[in-house]
């Protein structure tokens, strides 16, 4: 469950990062379409070498008389784009000499109001490239044609998304997400394969242990399936206690083996229908110490001996074999104690019939804090109120 929550959290964070990345790219792309134009004011006397983003040189290339004091003059203009990006929608505003007018022009469109001329691009030179100067020209007719005023140049940069440093930062972030996704998928595939192998191993261990405990339970027809049921109840209790998957598996396997010591108990005592004598009762009680002795070299399941040796200890200290009490009794043994007692009360035995559910509940309540750990007994009562508990138990232990 914890792993699934962690997996979902990682997926949510990943998709949130992807969404944020897409929003950032979209915002950056939008920014490239919302660029303010560059506007520069310069004198007509500037040369190409002037350090500015845009430089316009204006040269009077021809001059002639138009009769009387009127003269004509041809001006050739060149715009140098000294930025790192192309320009569009360029416009040049020129203050013309007094009493002059525009006679002709080329490579431009012009609007003249009073003595102010606005020059705009035409179709074929609409874009100012970085490596290619943009040229246009015009002819003025007037008296004092050399007195052209200041010039204003305006153009809008054509930015590409790659012109922004933040684009490359976002690309690096995107690459990081891709690498993370590849690594995450690879790890997930490996983890799933490992978990499948682990599940297969657990199933193999479970089947081997069940086969082994079936030999134990077969000594007494009345206790057939007892170990499997106790293991199921113990597992259910461990889950409700919020233990880790590893602890739950350990408790389940330990519960399967809790009665292994009964292998050494004579069948005449195990199957006796009447009350046991004190000596016979003492022999029965040796199954805890016998079980510990049988499995003393079994280290595959840590703590397994605690469950086998102490599952008949009582919470009030009046159990066997050592008289431990309270929480000094290992948790696995306290869990198995409740699960074992419940199965004993709910099963047919050679010396009595199964108890009613009402009587079982009463026994769990009455012995809470004496025979049973109160917390575990309360959880057992809670499980008994769950219909799914019985349905799953029948499927799990058949």
Foldseek 3Di string as FASTA:
>chain_A
DVVVVVVVVVVVVLVVLVVVLVVVLVVLQVVLVVFAKDKDKDWQCDDPPDDDQKDKHKDFPDKAAPPDLKIKTKIKMKMAGQDPFKWFFKKKKKQWDAFKDWDFKPQWDWDDDHRIIMTTGDDVPRMGGNVDIRMMMTMMMGRDGVPIGMMMMITTTRDDSVVDPVSVVSVVVVVVSVVVVVVVVVVVVVVVVVVVVVVVVLVVLVVVLLVVLQVVQVLEPQCRLVLLQLLLQLLLLCVVVVDDPLVSSLLSSLSSLQQVLSVPQDSCLQQPQEDDDPVSVVSSLCSLVSSCVVCVVPPPRPPSNLQNNQLQAFQQQPGDDPSDHHPVRDPSSLSSNLSSVLSVQQTQGSHGGHDDPVVSLVVLVVRDNTRHPNVSSVVSVVLVVDPVSVVVSVVSRD
